C-alpha atoms as a PDB file:
ATOM      1  CA  UNK A   1      77.846  73.864  55.534  1.00  0.00           C
ATOM      2  CA  UNK A   2      74.184  74.233  55.201  1.00  0.00           C
ATOM      3  CA  UNK A   3      71.766  74.509  57.974  1.00  0.00           C
ATOM      4  CA  UNK A   4      68.797  72.721  57.627  1.00  0.00           C
ATOM      5  CA  UNK A   5      65.255  73.670  58.584  1.00  0.00           C
ATOM      6  CA  UNK A   6      64.580  71.968  62.131  1.00  0.00           C
ATOM      7  CA  UNK A   7      60.816  71.359  62.738  1.00  0.00           C
ATOM      8  CA  UNK A   8      60.471  69.293  65.462  1.00  0.00           C
ATOM      9  CA  UNK A   9      59.876  71.498  68.441  1.00  0.00           C
ATOM     10  CA  UNK A  10      62.506  71.574  71.153  1.00  0.00           C
ATOM     11  CA  UNK A  11      61.272  70.183  74.788  1.00  0.00           C
ATOM     12  CA  UNK A  12      60.819  72.320  77.874  1.00  0.00           C
ATOM     13  CA  UNK A  13      63.516  71.028  80.364  1.00  0.00           C
ATOM     14  CA  UNK A  14      63.196  73.227  83.164  1.00  0.00           C
ATOM     15  CA  UNK A  15      63.055  76.931  84.073  1.00  0.00           C
ATOM     16  CA  UNK A  16      65.903  79.385  83.615  1.00  0.00           C
ATOM     17  CA  UNK A  17      67.196  79.591  87.224  1.00  0.00           C
ATOM     18  CA  UNK A  18      68.437  82.248  89.001  1.00  0.00           C
ATOM     19  CA  UNK A  19      72.356  84.288  88.101  1.00  0.00           C
ATOM     20  CA  UNK A  20      71.992  86.100  91.637  1.00  0.00           C
ATOM     21  CA  UNK A  21      74.774  83.804  93.136  1.00  0.00           C
ATOM     22  CA  UNK A  22      77.308  85.260  90.938  1.00  0.00           C
ATOM     23  CA  UNK A  23      80.229  86.700  93.165  1.00  0.00           C
ATOM     24  CA  UNK A  24      81.112  89.173  90.070  1.00  0.00           C
ATOM     25  CA  UNK A  25      80.410  89.984  86.914  1.00  0.00           C
ATOM     26  CA  UNK A  26      82.956  90.866  83.841  1.00  0.00           C
ATOM     27  CA  UNK A  27      82.000  92.384  80.599  1.00  0.00           C
ATOM     28  CA  UNK A  28      78.722  93.258  81.955  1.00  0.00           C
ATOM     29  CA  UNK A  29      76.617  94.600  84.734  1.00  0.00           C
ATOM     30  CA  UNK A  30      74.959  91.684  86.625  1.00  0.00           C
ATOM     31  CA  UNK A  31      72.557  89.963  84.113  1.00  0.00           C
ATOM     32  CA  UNK A  32      69.119  88.148  85.503  1.00  0.00           C
ATOM     33  CA  UNK A  33      66.713  85.781  83.616  1.00  0.00           C
ATOM     34  CA  UNK A  34      63.805  88.427  84.172  1.00  0.00           C
ATOM     35  CA  UNK A  35      65.794  91.263  82.171  1.00  0.00           C
ATOM     36  CA  UNK A  36      66.621  88.834  79.635  1.00  0.00           C
ATOM     37  CA  UNK A  37      62.898  87.842  78.758  1.00  0.00           C
ATOM     38  CA  UNK A  38      62.324  88.137  74.938  1.00  0.00           C
ATOM     39  CA  UNK A  39      66.163  86.808  74.230  1.00  0.00           C
ATOM     40  CA  UNK A  40      67.352  83.884  73.467  1.00  0.00           C
ATOM     41  CA  UNK A  41      70.215  82.911  75.979  1.00  0.00           C
ATOM     42  CA  UNK A  42      73.183  80.652  75.303  1.00  0.00           C
ATOM     43  CA  UNK A  43      74.519  79.624  78.795  1.00  0.00           C
ATOM     44  CA  UNK A  44      78.149  78.363  78.805  1.00  0.00           C
ATOM     45  CA  UNK A  45      79.882  76.807  81.882  1.00  0.00           C
ATOM     46  CA  UNK A  46      83.358  76.895  81.708  1.00  0.00           C
ATOM     47  CA  UNK A  47      86.846  77.188  83.389  1.00  0.00           C
ATOM     48  CA  UNK A  48      89.971  78.916  82.437  1.00  0.00           C
ATOM     49  CA  UNK A  49      92.296  76.123  82.399  1.00  0.00           C
ATOM     50  CA  UNK A  50      89.930  73.287  80.773  1.00  0.00           C
ATOM     51  CA  UNK A  51      91.123  71.833  77.372  1.00  0.00           C
ATOM     52  CA  UNK A  52      87.835  70.186  76.641  1.00  0.00           C
ATOM     53  CA  UNK A  53      86.466  73.611  77.189  1.00  0.00           C
ATOM     54  CA  UNK A  54      88.978  75.260  75.092  1.00  0.00           C
ATOM     55  CA  UNK A  55      88.164  73.010  72.242  1.00  0.00           C
ATOM     56  CA  UNK A  56      84.338  74.195  72.380  1.00  0.00           C
ATOM     57  CA  UNK A  57      84.883  77.909  72.735  1.00  0.00           C
ATOM     58  CA  UNK A  58      85.831  79.094  69.383  1.00  0.00           C
ATOM     59  CA  UNK A  59      82.151  77.952  68.477  1.00  0.00           C
ATOM     60  CA  UNK A  60      80.704  79.974  71.497  1.00  0.00           C
ATOM     61  CA  UNK A  61      82.476  83.000  70.511  1.00  0.00           C
ATOM     62  CA  UNK A  62      81.518  82.580  66.581  1.00  0.00           C
ATOM     63  CA  UNK A  63      78.045  82.081  67.826  1.00  0.00           C
ATOM     64  CA  UNK A  64      78.024  85.102  69.908  1.00  0.00           C
ATOM     65  CA  UNK A  65      79.234  87.175  66.732  1.00  0.00           C
ATOM     66  CA  UNK A  66      76.826  86.083  64.563  1.00  0.00           C
ATOM     67  CA  UNK A  67      73.566  86.077  66.496  1.00  0.00           C
ATOM     68  CA  UNK A  68      74.219  88.972  68.733  1.00  0.00           C
ATOM     69  CA  UNK A  69      72.258  91.454  66.680  1.00  0.00           C
ATOM     70  CA  UNK A  70      69.459  89.024  66.129  1.00  0.00           C
ATOM     71  CA  UNK A  71      68.630  88.496  69.665  1.00  0.00           C
ATOM     72  CA  UNK A  72      71.274  85.951  71.209  1.00  0.00           C
ATOM     73  CA  UNK A  73      73.064  86.699  74.306  1.00  0.00           C
ATOM     74  CA  UNK A  74      75.731  84.573  75.493  1.00  0.00           C
ATOM     75  CA  UNK A  75      76.483  84.285  79.061  1.00  0.00           C
ATOM     76  CA  UNK A  76      79.758  82.578  80.327  1.00  0.00           C
ATOM     77  CA  UNK A  77      79.490  81.317  83.878  1.00  0.00           C
ATOM     78  CA  UNK A  78      83.020  80.325  85.177  1.00  0.00           C
ATOM     79  CA  UNK A  79      82.738  77.823  87.719  1.00  0.00           C
ATOM     80  CA  UNK A  80      86.191  77.043  88.650  1.00  0.00           C
ATOM     81  CA  UNK A  81      87.903  73.676  89.302  1.00  0.00           C
ATOM     82  CA  UNK A  82      91.517  74.711  90.646  1.00  0.00           C
ATOM     83  CA  UNK A  83      92.433  77.550  93.457  1.00  0.00           C
ATOM     84  CA  UNK A  84      93.791  79.861  91.280  1.00  0.00           C
ATOM     85  CA  UNK A  85      90.800  80.226  89.123  1.00  0.00           C
ATOM     86  CA  UNK A  86      88.752  81.374  92.057  1.00  0.00           C
ATOM     87  CA  UNK A  87      91.438  84.567  91.206  1.00  0.00           C
ATOM     88  CA  UNK A  88      89.064  87.198  89.054  1.00  0.00           C
ATOM     89  CA  UNK A  89      92.572  88.924  87.947  1.00  0.00           C
ATOM     90  CA  UNK A  90      93.113  85.191  86.141  1.00  0.00           C
ATOM     91  CA  UNK A  91      90.041  84.731  84.836  1.00  0.00           C
ATOM     92  CA  UNK A  92      89.932  88.281  83.715  1.00  0.00           C
ATOM     93  CA  UNK A  93      93.142  87.449  81.765  1.00  0.00           C
ATOM     94  CA  UNK A  94      91.926  84.712  80.133  1.00  0.00           C
ATOM     95  CA  UNK A  95      88.941  86.156  78.928  1.00  0.00           C
ATOM     96  CA  UNK A  96      90.997  89.083  77.514  1.00  0.00           C
ATOM     97  CA  UNK A  97      93.944  86.296  76.004  1.00  0.00           C
ATOM     98  CA  UNK A  98      90.704  83.953  74.415  1.00  0.00           C
ATOM     99  CA  UNK A  99      89.086  87.274  72.821  1.00  0.00           C
ATOM    100  CA  UNK A 100      85.537  86.586  75.056  1.00  0.00           C
ATOM    101  CA  UNK A 101      83.726  89.803  74.709  1.00  0.00           C
ATOM    102  CA  UNK A 102      80.305  88.478  76.188  1.00  0.00           C
ATOM    103  CA  UNK A 103      79.052  88.364  79.736  1.00  0.00           C
ATOM    104  CA  UNK A 104      80.732  86.411  82.139  1.00  0.00           C
ATOM    105  CA  UNK A 105      79.204  85.298  85.767  1.00  0.00           C
ATOM    106  CA  UNK A 106      82.046  84.935  88.215  1.00  0.00           C
ATOM    107  CA  UNK A 107      80.506  81.695  89.764  1.00  0.00           C
ATOM    108  CA  UNK A 108      83.175  81.136  92.690  1.00  0.00           C
ATOM    109  CA  UNK A 109      80.661  79.822  95.105  1.00  0.00           C
ATOM    110  CA  UNK A 110      79.180  77.259  92.718  1.00  0.00           C
ATOM    111  CA  UNK A 111      75.811  78.672  93.493  1.00  0.00           C
ATOM    112  CA  UNK A 112      75.255  79.378  89.769  1.00  0.00           C
ATOM    113  CA  UNK A 113      76.359  75.609  88.731  1.00  0.00           C
ATOM    114  CA  UNK A 114      73.964  74.414  91.708  1.00  0.00           C
ATOM    115  CA  UNK A 115      71.126  76.337  90.348  1.00  0.00           C
ATOM    116  CA  UNK A 116      71.401  74.705  87.144  1.00  0.00           C
ATOM    117  CA  UNK A 117      72.211  70.945  88.704  1.00  0.00           C
ATOM    118  CA  UNK A 118      75.294  71.010  86.513  1.00  0.00           C
ATOM    119  CA  UNK A 119      78.138  68.560  86.318  1.00  0.00           C
ATOM    120  CA  UNK A 120      80.103  69.364  83.098  1.00  0.00           C
ATOM    121  CA  UNK A 121      82.937  71.524  81.682  1.00  0.00           C
ATOM    122  CA  UNK A 122      82.045  72.628  79.175  1.00  0.00           C
ATOM    123  CA  UNK A 123      78.186  72.576  79.585  1.00  0.00           C
ATOM    124  CA  UNK A 124      75.762  74.522  77.173  1.00  0.00           C
ATOM    125  CA  UNK A 125      72.132  75.510  78.227  1.00  0.00           C
ATOM    126  CA  UNK A 126      69.733  76.632  75.617  1.00  0.00           C
ATOM    127  CA  UNK A 127      67.020  78.982  76.909  1.00  0.00           C
ATOM    128  CA  UNK A 128      64.228  80.534  74.749  1.00  0.00           C
ATOM    129  CA  UNK A 129      62.632  83.619  74.952  1.00  0.00           C
ATOM    130  CA  UNK A 130      59.972  83.127  77.459  1.00  0.00           C
ATOM    131  CA  UNK A 131      62.678  81.619  79.926  1.00  0.00           C
ATOM    132  CA  UNK A 132      62.435  78.164  79.269  1.00  0.00           C
ATOM    133  CA  UNK A 133      65.488  75.787  79.088  1.00  0.00           C
ATOM    134  CA  UNK A 134      65.031  73.919  75.739  1.00  0.00           C
ATOM    135  CA  UNK A 135      68.210  72.036  75.070  1.00  0.00           C
ATOM    136  CA  UNK A 136      71.616  71.320  76.428  1.00  0.00           C
ATOM    137  CA  UNK A 137      74.684  69.619  75.277  1.00  0.00           C
ATOM    138  CA  UNK A 138      77.242  68.406  77.555  1.00  0.00           C
ATOM    139  CA  UNK A 139      81.028  68.198  76.646  1.00  0.00           C
ATOM    140  CA  UNK A 140      82.493  68.833  73.236  1.00  0.00           C
ATOM    141  CA  UNK A 141      81.320  68.330  69.842  1.00  0.00           C
ATOM    142  CA  UNK A 142      77.619  68.223  68.310  1.00  0.00           C
ATOM    143  CA  UNK A 143      77.864  71.917  67.367  1.00  0.00           C
ATOM    144  CA  UNK A 144      75.855  71.846  64.237  1.00  0.00           C
ATOM    145  CA  UNK A 145      72.802  70.685  66.202  1.00  0.00           C
ATOM    146  CA  UNK A 146      73.862  73.190  68.790  1.00  0.00           C
ATOM    147  CA  UNK A 147      73.701  76.113  66.242  1.00  0.00           C
ATOM    148  CA  UNK A 148      70.475  74.896  64.867  1.00  0.00           C
ATOM    149  CA  UNK A 149      68.803  74.821  68.142  1.00  0.00           C
ATOM    150  CA  UNK A 150      69.906  78.512  68.595  1.00  0.00           C
ATOM    151  CA  UNK A 151      68.573  79.449  65.431  1.00  0.00           C
ATOM    152  CA  UNK A 152      65.216  77.559  66.062  1.00  0.00           C
ATOM    153  CA  UNK A 153      64.991  79.547  69.253  1.00  0.00           C
ATOM    154  CA  UNK A 154      65.283  82.558  67.463  1.00  0.00           C
ATOM    155  CA  UNK A 155      62.788  81.715  65.017  1.00  0.00           C
ATOM    156  CA  UNK A 156      60.195  80.912  67.565  1.00  0.00           C
ATOM    157  CA  UNK A 157      61.039  84.460  68.929  1.00  0.00           C
ATOM    158  CA  UNK A 158      59.771  85.903  65.588  1.00  0.00           C
ATOM    159  CA  UNK A 159      63.396  86.638  64.311  1.00  0.00           C
ATOM    160  CA  UNK A 160      63.689  86.542  60.684  1.00  0.00           C
ATOM    161  CA  UNK A 161      66.385  86.793  58.609  1.00  0.00           C
ATOM    162  CA  UNK A 162      68.395  84.063  60.058  1.00  0.00           C
ATOM    163  CA  UNK A 163      71.334  82.794  57.921  1.00  0.00           C
ATOM    164  CA  UNK A 164      70.722  79.448  56.951  1.00  0.00           C
ATOM    165  CA  UNK A 165      74.580  78.424  56.738  1.00  0.00           C
ATOM    166  CA  UNK A 166      76.348  77.391  59.991  1.00  0.00           C
ATOM    167  CA  UNK A 167      79.805  78.884  61.269  1.00  0.00           C
ATOM    168  CA  UNK A 168      82.604  77.541  59.275  1.00  0.00           C
ATOM    169  CA  UNK A 169      85.812  77.868  61.726  1.00  0.00           C
ATOM    170  CA  UNK A 170      89.216  76.351  61.406  1.00  0.00           C
ATOM    171  CA  UNK A 171      90.599  76.632  64.943  1.00  0.00           C
ATOM    172  CA  UNK A 172      93.897  75.888  65.718  1.00  0.00           C
ATOM    173  CA  UNK A 173      96.495  75.982  68.852  1.00  0.00           C
ATOM    174  CA  UNK A 174      94.680  74.795  71.993  1.00  0.00           C
ATOM    175  CA  UNK A 175      91.346  74.952  70.018  1.00  0.00           C
ATOM    176  CA  UNK A 176      91.932  72.677  67.548  1.00  0.00           C
ATOM    177  CA  UNK A 177      89.800  69.538  67.768  1.00  0.00           C
ATOM    178  CA  UNK A 178      91.506  66.421  69.523  1.00  0.00           C
ATOM    179  CA  UNK A 179      92.750  63.475  67.397  1.00  0.00           C
ATOM    180  CA  UNK A 180      89.845  61.251  68.720  1.00  0.00           C
ATOM    181  CA  UNK A 181      91.030  58.389  66.713  1.00  0.00           C
ATOM    182  CA  UNK A 182      94.659  58.163  68.027  1.00  0.00           C
ATOM    183  CA  UNK A 183      93.543  59.346  71.751  1.00  0.00           C
ATOM    184  CA  UNK A 184      94.357  56.582  74.226  1.00  0.00           C
ATOM    185  CA  UNK A 185      95.376  58.768  77.082  1.00  0.00           C
ATOM    186  CA  UNK A 186      92.836  59.907  79.342  1.00  0.00           C
ATOM    187  CA  UNK A 187      93.179  63.165  81.782  1.00  0.00           C
ATOM    188  CA  UNK A 188      95.105  62.737  85.101  1.00  0.00           C
ATOM    189  CA  UNK A 189      95.313  64.869  88.059  1.00  0.00           C
ATOM    190  CA  UNK A 190      98.650  65.305  89.576  1.00  0.00           C
ATOM    191  CA  UNK A 191      97.130  65.619  93.529  1.00  0.00           C
ATOM    192  CA  UNK A 192      96.581  62.911  95.454  1.00  0.00           C
ATOM    193  CA  UNK A 193      92.607  63.341  95.545  1.00  0.00           C
ATOM    194  CA  UNK A 194      92.270  62.701  92.096  1.00  0.00           C
ATOM    195  CA  UNK A 195      95.261  61.296  90.692  1.00  0.00           C
ATOM    196  CA  UNK A 196      95.819  57.370  89.233  1.00  0.00           C
ATOM    197  CA  UNK A 197      98.755  55.170  88.002  1.00  0.00           C
ATOM    198  CA  UNK A 198     101.538  56.750  90.120  1.00  0.00           C
ATOM    199  CA  UNK A 199     104.729  54.913  89.618  1.00  0.00           C
ATOM    200  CA  UNK A 200     105.899  52.731  91.604  1.00  0.00           C
ATOM    201  CA  UNK A 201     102.674  51.885  93.163  1.00  0.00           C
ATOM    202  CA  UNK A 202     102.636  52.874  96.935  1.00  0.00           C
ATOM    203  CA  UNK A 203     105.201  55.387  96.334  1.00  0.00           C
ATOM    204  CA  UNK A 204     103.835  58.638  96.741  1.00  0.00           C
ATOM    205  CA  UNK A 205     104.234  60.661 100.297  1.00  0.00           C
ATOM    206  CA  UNK A 206     101.296  62.851 100.478  1.00  0.00           C
ATOM    207  CA  UNK A 207     101.730  66.303 102.368  1.00  0.00           C
ATOM    208  CA  UNK A 208     105.165  66.280 102.725  1.00  0.00           C
ATOM    209  CA  UNK A 209     108.321  66.995 101.051  1.00  0.00           C
ATOM    210  CA  UNK A 210     109.708  63.648  99.454  1.00  0.00           C
ATOM    211  CA  UNK A 211     112.670  62.399  97.295  1.00  0.00           C
ATOM    212  CA  UNK A 212     111.494  60.591  94.169  1.00  0.00           C
ATOM    213  CA  UNK A 213     113.240  58.708  91.671  1.00  0.00           C
ATOM    214  CA  UNK A 214     111.484  58.063  87.787  1.00  0.00           C
ATOM    215  CA  UNK A 215     111.738  53.948  87.588  1.00  0.00           C
ATOM    216  CA  UNK A 216     113.342  53.005  84.128  1.00  0.00           C
ATOM    217  CA  UNK A 217     110.178  51.456  82.800  1.00  0.00           C
ATOM    218  CA  UNK A 218     106.525  53.130  82.741  1.00  0.00           C
ATOM    219  CA  UNK A 219     103.381  51.534  81.718  1.00  0.00           C
ATOM    220  CA  UNK A 220     101.193  53.395  79.022  1.00  0.00           C
ATOM    221  CA  UNK A 221      99.326  56.111  80.958  1.00  0.00           C
ATOM    222  CA  UNK A 222     101.678  55.541  84.093  1.00  0.00           C
ATOM    223  CA  UNK A 223     103.385  58.676  85.566  1.00  0.00           C
ATOM    224  CA  UNK A 224     106.514  59.340  88.199  1.00  0.00           C
ATOM    225  CA  UNK A 225     108.275  61.792  89.790  1.00  0.00           C
ATOM    226  CA  UNK A 226     111.891  62.678  90.411  1.00  0.00           C
ATOM    227  CA  UNK A 227     113.485  64.780  92.791  1.00  0.00           C
ATOM    228  CA  UNK A 228     111.850  67.010  95.613  1.00  0.00           C
ATOM    229  CA  UNK A 229     108.212  67.286  95.364  1.00  0.00           C
ATOM    230  CA  UNK A 230     105.482  67.760  97.764  1.00  0.00           C
ATOM    231  CA  UNK A 231     102.395  65.803  96.694  1.00  0.00           C
ATOM    232  CA  UNK A 232      99.381  67.858  97.750  1.00  0.00           C
ATOM    233  CA  UNK A 233      95.475  67.288  97.599  1.00  0.00           C
ATOM    234  CA  UNK A 234      95.040  69.285  94.640  1.00  0.00           C
ATOM    235  CA  UNK A 235      98.823  69.831  93.211  1.00  0.00           C
ATOM    236  CA  UNK A 236     102.137  68.969  93.455  1.00  0.00           C
ATOM    237  CA  UNK A 237     104.647  71.526  94.290  1.00  0.00           C
ATOM    238  CA  UNK A 238     108.455  71.308  93.531  1.00  0.00           C
ATOM    239  CA  UNK A 239     110.844  72.617  96.498  1.00  0.00           C
ATOM    240  CA  UNK A 240     114.366  72.342  94.356  1.00  0.00           C
ATOM    241  CA  UNK A 241     115.609  72.835  90.743  1.00  0.00           C
ATOM    242  CA  UNK A 242     116.085  69.879  88.990  1.00  0.00           C
ATOM    243  CA  UNK A 243     112.563  67.872  89.506  1.00  0.00           C
ATOM    244  CA  UNK A 244     110.968  66.001  86.773  1.00  0.00           C
ATOM    245  CA  UNK A 245     107.543  64.739  85.833  1.00  0.00           C
ATOM    246  CA  UNK A 246     107.529  61.142  83.482  1.00  0.00           C
ATOM    247  CA  UNK A 247     104.618  60.399  81.836  1.00  0.00           C
ATOM    248  CA  UNK A 248     103.900  57.361  79.273  1.00  0.00           C
ATOM    249  CA  UNK A 249     100.907  58.594  76.773  1.00  0.00           C
ATOM    250  CA  UNK A 250      99.580  58.032  73.309  1.00  0.00           C
ATOM    251  CA  UNK A 251      98.043  61.001  71.954  1.00  0.00           C
ATOM    252  CA  UNK A 252      98.830  63.745  69.731  1.00  0.00           C
ATOM    253  CA  UNK A 253      99.121  66.504  72.456  1.00  0.00           C
ATOM    254  CA  UNK A 254     100.196  66.463  75.956  1.00  0.00           C
ATOM    255  CA  UNK A 255      99.017  69.559  78.073  1.00  0.00           C
ATOM    256  CA  UNK A 256     100.353  70.454  81.800  1.00  0.00           C
ATOM    257  CA  UNK A 257      98.380  72.720  84.033  1.00  0.00           C
ATOM    258  CA  UNK A 258     100.735  74.719  85.741  1.00  0.00           C
ATOM    259  CA  UNK A 259     101.781  77.961  87.351  1.00  0.00           C
ATOM    260  CA  UNK A 260     104.578  79.571  89.124  1.00  0.00           C
ATOM    261  CA  UNK A 261     103.577  79.149  92.851  1.00  0.00           C
ATOM    262  CA  UNK A 262     105.012  82.419  93.978  1.00  0.00           C
ATOM    263  CA  UNK A 263     102.952  85.084  92.032  1.00  0.00           C
ATOM    264  CA  UNK A 264     105.079  87.140  89.705  1.00  0.00           C
ATOM    265  CA  UNK A 265     108.151  84.620  89.611  1.00  0.00           C
ATOM    266  CA  UNK A 266     108.775  82.435  86.429  1.00  0.00           C
ATOM    267  CA  UNK A 267     110.098  78.615  86.102  1.00  0.00           C
ATOM    268  CA  UNK A 268     112.159  77.520  83.223  1.00  0.00           C
ATOM    269  CA  UNK A 269     111.730  73.954  82.230  1.00  0.00           C
ATOM    270  CA  UNK A 270     113.076  71.328  79.325  1.00  0.00           C
ATOM    271  CA  UNK A 271     110.659  68.589  77.577  1.00  0.00           C
ATOM    272  CA  UNK A 272     111.976  65.781  76.233  1.00  0.00           C
ATOM    273  CA  UNK A 273     110.186  62.990  74.179  1.00  0.00           C
ATOM    274  CA  UNK A 274     111.755  59.249  74.240  1.00  0.00           C
ATOM    275  CA  UNK A 275     114.929  61.208  75.543  1.00  0.00           C
ATOM    276  CA  UNK A 276     115.350  63.487  72.655  1.00  0.00           C
ATOM    277  CA  UNK A 277     114.307  67.147  72.033  1.00  0.00           C
ATOM    278  CA  UNK A 278     110.957  67.347  70.649  1.00  0.00           C
ATOM    279  CA  UNK A 279     111.451  69.254  67.417  1.00  0.00           C
ATOM    280  CA  UNK A 280     108.738  69.031  65.215  1.00  0.00           C
ATOM    281  CA  UNK A 281     106.475  67.461  67.873  1.00  0.00           C
ATOM    282  CA  UNK A 282     106.853  70.789  70.288  1.00  0.00           C
ATOM    283  CA  UNK A 283     103.869  72.407  71.432  1.00  0.00           C
ATOM    284  CA  UNK A 284     102.471  76.308  71.649  1.00  0.00           C
ATOM    285  CA  UNK A 285     104.708  76.507  74.520  1.00  0.00           C
ATOM    286  CA  UNK A 286     108.236  74.781  74.044  1.00  0.00           C
ATOM    287  CA  UNK A 287     110.653  75.735  71.587  1.00  0.00           C
ATOM    288  CA  UNK A 288     112.322  72.626  68.995  1.00  0.00           C
ATOM    289  CA  UNK A 289     114.850  72.408  71.672  1.00  0.00           C
ATOM    290  CA  UNK A 290     112.356  71.435  74.207  1.00  0.00           C
ATOM    291  CA  UNK A 291     112.617  74.782  76.283  1.00  0.00           C
ATOM    292  CA  UNK A 292     110.122  77.146  78.071  1.00  0.00           C
ATOM    293  CA  UNK A 293     108.934  78.535  81.179  1.00  0.00           C
ATOM    294  CA  UNK A 294     105.937  78.442  83.302  1.00  0.00           C
ATOM    295  CA  UNK A 295     104.659  81.603  84.436  1.00  0.00           C
ATOM    296  CA  UNK A 296     100.802  82.086  85.294  1.00  0.00           C
ATOM    297  CA  UNK A 297      98.944  79.186  86.363  1.00  0.00           C
ATOM    298  CA  UNK A 298      97.109  78.213  83.404  1.00  0.00           C
ATOM    299  CA  UNK A 299      97.262  75.513  80.499  1.00  0.00           C
ATOM    300  CA  UNK A 300     100.511  74.510  79.074  1.00  0.00           C
ATOM    301  CA  UNK A 301     100.533  72.611  75.754  1.00  0.00           C
ATOM    302  CA  UNK A 302     103.990  70.767  75.463  1.00  0.00           C
ATOM    303  CA  UNK A 303     103.441  68.448  72.630  1.00  0.00           C
ATOM    304  CA  UNK A 304     101.672  68.058  69.539  1.00  0.00           C
ATOM    305  CA  UNK A 305     103.147  65.413  67.387  1.00  0.00           C
ATOM    306  CA  UNK A 306     102.903  64.844  64.033  1.00  0.00           C
ATOM    307  CA  UNK A 307     101.541  61.349  63.085  1.00  0.00           C
ATOM    308  CA  UNK A 308     102.531  58.453  63.515  1.00  0.00           C
ATOM    309  CA  UNK A 309     100.952  58.624  66.789  1.00  0.00           C
ATOM    310  CA  UNK A 310     102.436  55.772  69.065  1.00  0.00           C
ATOM    311  CA  UNK A 311     103.578  55.096  72.733  1.00  0.00           C
ATOM    312  CA  UNK A 312     105.889  57.834  73.546  1.00  0.00           C
ATOM    313  CA  UNK A 313     107.674  58.769  76.981  1.00  0.00           C
ATOM    314  CA  UNK A 314     107.397  62.109  77.963  1.00  0.00           C
ATOM    315  CA  UNK A 315     109.666  64.139  80.221  1.00  0.00           C
ATOM    316  CA  UNK A 316     109.736  67.629  81.777  1.00  0.00           C
ATOM    317  CA  UNK A 317     112.757  68.798  83.625  1.00  0.00           C
ATOM    318  CA  UNK A 318     112.088  72.082  85.443  1.00  0.00           C
ATOM    319  CA  UNK A 319     115.298  74.238  85.790  1.00  0.00           C
ATOM    320  CA  UNK A 320     114.007  75.996  88.784  1.00  0.00           C
ATOM    321  CA  UNK A 321     112.040  75.482  91.909  1.00  0.00           C
ATOM    322  CA  UNK A 322     108.655  76.582  92.960  1.00  0.00           C
ATOM    323  CA  UNK A 323     106.673  75.259  90.017  1.00  0.00           C
ATOM    324  CA  UNK A 324     102.666  74.145  91.033  1.00  0.00           C
ATOM    325  CA  UNK A 325     101.578  71.041  88.669  1.00  0.00           C
ATOM    326  CA  UNK A 326      97.618  70.379  88.689  1.00  0.00           C
ATOM    327  CA  UNK A 327      96.689  68.216  85.707  1.00  0.00           C
ATOM    328  CA  UNK A 328      97.824  66.427  82.618  1.00  0.00           C
ATOM    329  CA  UNK A 329      95.406  66.570  79.488  1.00  0.00           C
ATOM    330  CA  UNK A 330      95.649  64.823  75.772  1.00  0.00           C
ATOM    331  CA  UNK A 331      94.205  65.771  72.546  1.00  0.00           C
END
């Protein structure tokens, strides 16, 4: 793909806000806008279990590598969505696992998020060498336009010899683009604060242990529990082995954000698709027979199925107690 010359000026959208609210930094000493004058800065808001951010991250990594010697500074601002993402050791593990080498501001108090008046994961803000925000991108996609904005701001800063070709990547695993034409299932939280479509209606009991049973039929994008679960505000916790989550979905991929509630422990599970082992439809964290293990809190890819994509019934049974599950996402 060849980069076209972008001649229309990018508007000034605001000034580069303070980064002083960061509670810690990874991969760098603390950075400040004043110390970055003369550099083009790309600020990337993320939270490590977010599938939307995971699918955009290979582009940010590629831009950081391609333009680092031409005056681009990439700063990841980690603003946590879930409680476990406040743990700096978890973020450090995620950064190493995902090969993120650029500076990361730990934004546990959302001070940097609020300074930017941000509302999204992922969100990209493009800052010129004079400290003006000149472009933004909310959510996945539009990668060519984003890279052209980087090149334009570097050109304005007097950088020469910028490659004309855009980065070319073929991401896989979690980072593979969603199968948008077949995606008919939206993200759903499992904690009662933001969950929808629990079946049967009215059956949920909040903040206390309760025995659940999965109904025989689930409508598309509805879910249910079996076994001894406590439905909390942000997550659901399994009290006894043998608990299940069932979900009727329509998508190529199904992911679960989950972890073992007790640090250093693990929870074995088995996945079924329409009542059978997933076989070739298994995800990265599941074998062909559907077996896998939950350990540290993170995003687990449970299903990646070949076409044709149709309505399917997903079930996961946890063979040990103590799993804490937060969210189901699709792709």
